[in-house]
Structure formats: structure tokens, C-alpha cells
């Protein structure tokens, strides 16, 4: 007799909440609608009108490329591993 439990149906594994949608950010259509609602033509114009020039960066940040979830978790674990209990 096989001791392996039956696999759950695919529907049970599908995401049933809006977490991903909430955290991916707005799509192009939603951005256009938002910009039209507040009366600006672009995100750059919104930033120019909202963020004082004195605190804006002159150049983009020099960031490393994206990481997978596994890579990010490993990096966070390495940082956490440097913590010392007193």
C-alpha cells in the first residue's frame, strides 16, 4: 500500500487573496488614470511638483541587480547571522 498522501487539487494551491496584486503595484492603465485624476501628465511631472529639488538625487542610485526570493532570504540570513546577543 502506498503511504504517500494524495496531492491537493490544483485549486487548493492557487492564490485566493489579492496579496500579489496589492504588492506588484499599479499597471500602466491605473497609473494613467491616477495621473489624469491629479492633473499631471507623467510620473516625472508628479515627482517634480511633489519632491523638492533640493532633496532629489541628480542621478539614479547605483543598485545591484534584482535577486530571487531565495537569494534575498539568504542575504538577510547572512546579515542576521552577524547579530550578537548581549
N, C-alpha and C. Protein backbone atom coordinates (compact mmCIF):
# COMPACT_ATOMS: atom_id res chain seq x y z
N UNK A 1 0.84 -1.18 0.00
CA UNK A 1 0.00 0.00 0.00
C UNK A 1 0.89 1.24 0.00
N UNK A 2 0.50 2.24 -0.76
CA UNK A 2 1.27 3.48 -0.89
C UNK A 2 0.98 4.39 0.30
N UNK A 3 2.05 4.83 1.00
CA UNK A 3 1.88 5.68 2.18
C UNK A 3 1.89 7.16 1.82
N UNK A 4 2.06 7.48 0.55
CA UNK A 4 2.09 8.88 0.14
C UNK A 4 0.69 9.46 0.18
N UNK A 5 0.51 10.58 0.89
CA UNK A 5 -0.82 11.18 0.93
C UNK A 5 -1.19 11.72 -0.45
N UNK A 6 -2.47 11.79 -0.74
CA UNK A 6 -2.88 12.31 -2.05
C UNK A 6 -2.51 13.79 -2.18
N UNK A 7 -2.18 14.20 -3.38
CA UNK A 7 -1.87 15.61 -3.64
C UNK A 7 -3.14 16.43 -3.57
N UNK A 8 -3.02 17.67 -3.06
CA UNK A 8 -4.22 18.52 -3.04
C UNK A 8 -4.59 18.91 -4.47
N UNK A 9 -5.85 19.20 -4.70
CA UNK A 9 -6.24 19.65 -6.04
C UNK A 9 -5.57 20.99 -6.35
N UNK A 10 -5.36 21.25 -7.62
CA UNK A 10 -4.70 22.48 -8.04
C UNK A 10 -5.40 23.72 -7.49
N UNK A 11 -6.70 23.71 -7.45
CA UNK A 11 -7.46 24.87 -6.95
C UNK A 11 -7.07 25.21 -5.52
N UNK A 12 -6.71 24.21 -4.73
CA UNK A 12 -6.33 24.46 -3.34
C UNK A 12 -4.98 25.16 -3.24
N UNK A 13 -4.17 25.05 -4.29
CA UNK A 13 -2.85 25.67 -4.29
C UNK A 13 -2.84 27.07 -4.89
N UNK A 14 -3.91 27.43 -5.57
CA UNK A 14 -3.96 28.74 -6.20
C UNK A 14 -4.12 29.83 -5.16
N UNK A 15 -3.55 30.98 -5.46
CA UNK A 15 -3.65 32.11 -4.55
C UNK A 15 -5.09 32.59 -4.51
N UNK A 16 -5.62 32.73 -3.31
CA UNK A 16 -7.03 33.11 -3.20
C UNK A 16 -7.23 34.51 -2.66
N UNK A 17 -6.15 35.25 -2.46
CA UNK A 17 -6.32 36.63 -2.00
C UNK A 17 -5.63 37.58 -2.96
N UNK A 18 -5.69 38.84 -2.66
CA UNK A 18 -5.14 39.86 -3.56
C UNK A 18 -3.73 40.30 -3.17
N UNK A 19 -3.01 39.51 -2.37
CA UNK A 19 -1.70 39.93 -1.89
C UNK A 19 -0.78 40.33 -3.04
N UNK A 20 -0.64 39.46 -4.03
CA UNK A 20 0.28 39.75 -5.14
C UNK A 20 -0.15 41.01 -5.86
N UNK A 21 -1.41 41.13 -6.19
CA UNK A 21 -1.89 42.31 -6.88
C UNK A 21 -1.66 43.59 -6.11
N UNK A 22 -1.80 43.52 -4.81
CA UNK A 22 -1.59 44.71 -3.98
C UNK A 22 -0.13 45.11 -3.93
N UNK A 23 0.77 44.17 -4.09
CA UNK A 23 2.18 44.45 -3.89
C UNK A 23 2.99 44.53 -5.18
N UNK A 24 2.37 44.28 -6.28
CA UNK A 24 3.05 44.43 -7.56
C UNK A 24 3.02 45.89 -7.98
N UNK A 25 2.00 46.60 -7.59
CA UNK A 25 1.87 48.00 -7.95
C UNK A 25 0.89 48.18 -9.08
N UNK A 26 0.61 49.42 -9.40
CA UNK A 26 -0.38 49.70 -10.44
C UNK A 26 0.15 49.37 -11.83
N UNK A 27 -0.77 49.03 -12.73
CA UNK A 27 -0.37 48.79 -14.12
C UNK A 27 -0.42 50.12 -14.87
N UNK A 28 -0.04 50.11 -16.14
CA UNK A 28 0.05 51.35 -16.93
C UNK A 28 -1.29 52.08 -16.99
N UNK A 29 -2.37 51.34 -17.13
CA UNK A 29 -3.69 51.96 -17.20
C UNK A 29 -4.06 52.63 -15.87
N UNK A 30 -3.75 51.97 -14.78
CA UNK A 30 -4.04 52.54 -13.46
C UNK A 30 -3.19 53.78 -13.19
N UNK A 31 -1.94 53.75 -13.63
CA UNK A 31 -1.07 54.92 -13.47
C UNK A 31 -1.62 56.09 -14.28
N UNK A 32 -2.01 55.83 -15.52
CA UNK A 32 -2.57 56.89 -16.38
C UNK A 32 -3.82 57.49 -15.74
N UNK A 33 -4.66 56.65 -15.18
CA UNK A 33 -5.89 57.12 -14.53
C UNK A 33 -5.56 57.98 -13.31
N UNK A 34 -4.60 57.54 -12.53
CA UNK A 34 -4.19 58.29 -11.34
C UNK A 34 -3.63 59.66 -11.75
N UNK A 35 -2.75 59.66 -12.75
CA UNK A 35 -2.15 60.92 -13.19
C UNK A 35 -3.21 61.88 -13.72
N UNK A 36 -4.17 61.36 -14.48
CA UNK A 36 -5.26 62.20 -15.00
C UNK A 36 -6.09 62.77 -13.85
N UNK A 37 -6.32 61.96 -12.83
CA UNK A 37 -7.12 62.41 -11.68
C UNK A 37 -6.48 63.57 -10.94
N UNK A 38 -5.15 63.58 -10.89
CA UNK A 38 -4.48 64.65 -10.15
C UNK A 38 -3.95 65.75 -11.06
N UNK A 39 -4.16 65.60 -12.36
CA UNK A 39 -3.84 66.67 -13.30
C UNK A 39 -2.39 66.81 -13.70
N UNK A 40 -1.66 65.70 -13.74
CA UNK A 40 -0.29 65.74 -14.25
C UNK A 40 -0.17 64.75 -15.40
N UNK A 41 0.83 64.97 -16.25
CA UNK A 41 0.93 64.14 -17.45
C UNK A 41 1.88 62.96 -17.32
N UNK A 42 2.71 62.95 -16.27
CA UNK A 42 3.67 61.85 -16.13
C UNK A 42 4.10 61.70 -14.68
N UNK A 43 4.71 60.57 -14.38
CA UNK A 43 5.25 60.37 -13.04
C UNK A 43 6.38 61.36 -12.77
N UNK A 44 7.16 61.66 -13.80
CA UNK A 44 8.25 62.63 -13.64
C UNK A 44 7.70 64.00 -13.25
N UNK A 45 6.60 64.40 -13.88
CA UNK A 45 5.97 65.68 -13.53
C UNK A 45 5.43 65.64 -12.11
N UNK A 46 4.85 64.53 -11.72
CA UNK A 46 4.36 64.38 -10.35
C UNK A 46 5.49 64.54 -9.35
N UNK A 47 6.62 63.88 -9.60
CA UNK A 47 7.77 63.99 -8.71
C UNK A 47 8.28 65.42 -8.68
N UNK A 48 8.38 66.05 -9.85
CA UNK A 48 8.87 67.43 -9.92
C UNK A 48 8.00 68.39 -9.12
N UNK A 49 6.69 68.13 -9.11
CA UNK A 49 5.77 69.00 -8.38
C UNK A 49 5.67 68.66 -6.89
N UNK A 50 6.12 67.47 -6.52
CA UNK A 50 5.91 66.99 -5.16
C UNK A 50 7.17 66.97 -4.31
N UNK A 51 8.28 66.54 -4.89
CA UNK A 51 9.52 66.38 -4.14
C UNK A 51 10.41 67.60 -4.38
N UNK A 52 10.79 68.31 -3.32
CA UNK A 52 11.64 69.49 -3.51
C UNK A 52 12.94 69.13 -4.24
N UNK A 53 13.35 69.98 -5.17
CA UNK A 53 14.56 69.74 -5.96
C UNK A 53 15.79 69.55 -5.07
N UNK A 54 15.81 70.23 -3.94
CA UNK A 54 16.98 70.16 -3.05
C UNK A 54 17.21 68.76 -2.48
N UNK A 55 16.18 67.94 -2.45
CA UNK A 55 16.38 66.59 -1.89
C UNK A 55 16.31 65.49 -2.95
N UNK A 56 16.10 65.85 -4.21
CA UNK A 56 16.09 64.85 -5.28
C UNK A 56 17.52 64.50 -5.67
N UNK A 57 17.74 63.26 -6.02
CA UNK A 57 19.06 62.83 -6.48
C UNK A 57 19.29 63.31 -7.91
N UNK A 58 20.53 63.65 -8.21
CA UNK A 58 20.87 64.10 -9.56
C UNK A 58 20.99 62.92 -10.51
N UNK A 59 21.31 61.75 -9.98
CA UNK A 59 21.49 60.55 -10.80
C UNK A 59 20.80 59.37 -10.11
N UNK A 60 20.44 58.36 -10.87
CA UNK A 60 19.83 57.18 -10.25
C UNK A 60 20.79 56.50 -9.27
N UNK A 61 20.24 55.81 -8.30
CA UNK A 61 21.06 55.05 -7.36
C UNK A 61 21.77 53.93 -8.09
N UNK A 62 22.98 53.65 -7.68
CA UNK A 62 23.75 52.53 -8.26
C UNK A 62 23.43 51.29 -7.44
N UNK A 63 22.37 50.62 -7.82
CA UNK A 63 21.92 49.44 -7.09
C UNK A 63 22.32 48.17 -7.83
N UNK A 64 22.54 47.12 -7.06
CA UNK A 64 22.80 45.81 -7.66
C UNK A 64 21.53 45.34 -8.36
N UNK A 65 21.66 44.37 -9.21
CA UNK A 65 20.51 43.83 -9.92
C UNK A 65 19.53 43.15 -8.98
N UNK A 66 18.40 42.77 -9.51
CA UNK A 66 17.39 42.12 -8.68
C UNK A 66 17.86 40.75 -8.19
N UNK A 67 17.27 40.30 -7.11
CA UNK A 67 17.57 38.99 -6.54
C UNK A 67 16.30 38.16 -6.52
N UNK A 68 16.49 36.87 -6.58
CA UNK A 68 15.35 35.98 -6.41
C UNK A 68 14.98 35.98 -4.93
N UNK A 69 13.83 35.45 -4.62
CA UNK A 69 13.41 35.37 -3.22
C UNK A 69 14.42 34.55 -2.41
N UNK A 70 14.89 33.47 -2.98
CA UNK A 70 15.86 32.62 -2.27
C UNK A 70 17.15 33.37 -2.01
N UNK A 71 17.63 34.11 -3.00
CA UNK A 71 18.86 34.90 -2.83
C UNK A 71 18.67 35.99 -1.78
N UNK A 72 17.52 36.66 -1.82
CA UNK A 72 17.25 37.72 -0.85
C UNK A 72 17.18 37.16 0.57
N UNK A 73 16.51 36.03 0.73
CA UNK A 73 16.42 35.42 2.06
C UNK A 73 17.80 34.99 2.57
N UNK A 74 18.63 34.44 1.68
CA UNK A 74 19.98 34.04 2.09
C UNK A 74 20.80 35.26 2.52
N UNK A 75 20.67 36.36 1.79
CA UNK A 75 21.39 37.59 2.15
C UNK A 75 20.90 38.11 3.50
N UNK A 76 19.60 38.09 3.72
CA UNK A 76 19.06 38.55 5.01
C UNK A 76 19.51 37.64 6.15
N UNK A 77 19.56 36.34 5.90
CA UNK A 77 20.03 35.42 6.94
C UNK A 77 21.50 35.68 7.27
N UNK A 78 22.30 35.99 6.25
CA UNK A 78 23.71 36.30 6.49
C UNK A 78 23.85 37.56 7.34
N UNK A 79 23.04 38.56 7.04
CA UNK A 79 23.07 39.80 7.83
C UNK A 79 22.63 39.51 9.26
N UNK A 80 21.54 38.77 9.40
CA UNK A 80 21.03 38.44 10.74
C UNK A 80 22.04 37.61 11.52
N UNK A 81 22.80 36.78 10.82
CA UNK A 81 23.80 35.95 11.47
C UNK A 81 24.93 36.75 12.10
N UNK A 82 25.08 37.98 11.69
CA UNK A 82 26.12 38.84 12.27
C UNK A 82 25.67 39.48 13.58
N UNK A 83 24.38 39.34 13.91
CA UNK A 83 23.88 39.90 15.17
C UNK A 83 24.48 39.13 16.34
N UNK A 84 24.76 39.84 17.40
CA UNK A 84 25.31 39.22 18.60
C UNK A 84 24.38 39.50 19.77
N UNK A 85 24.13 38.48 20.54
CA UNK A 85 23.29 38.61 21.72
C UNK A 85 24.17 39.07 22.88
N UNK A 86 23.71 40.04 23.61
CA UNK A 86 24.49 40.54 24.75
C UNK A 86 23.87 40.11 26.04
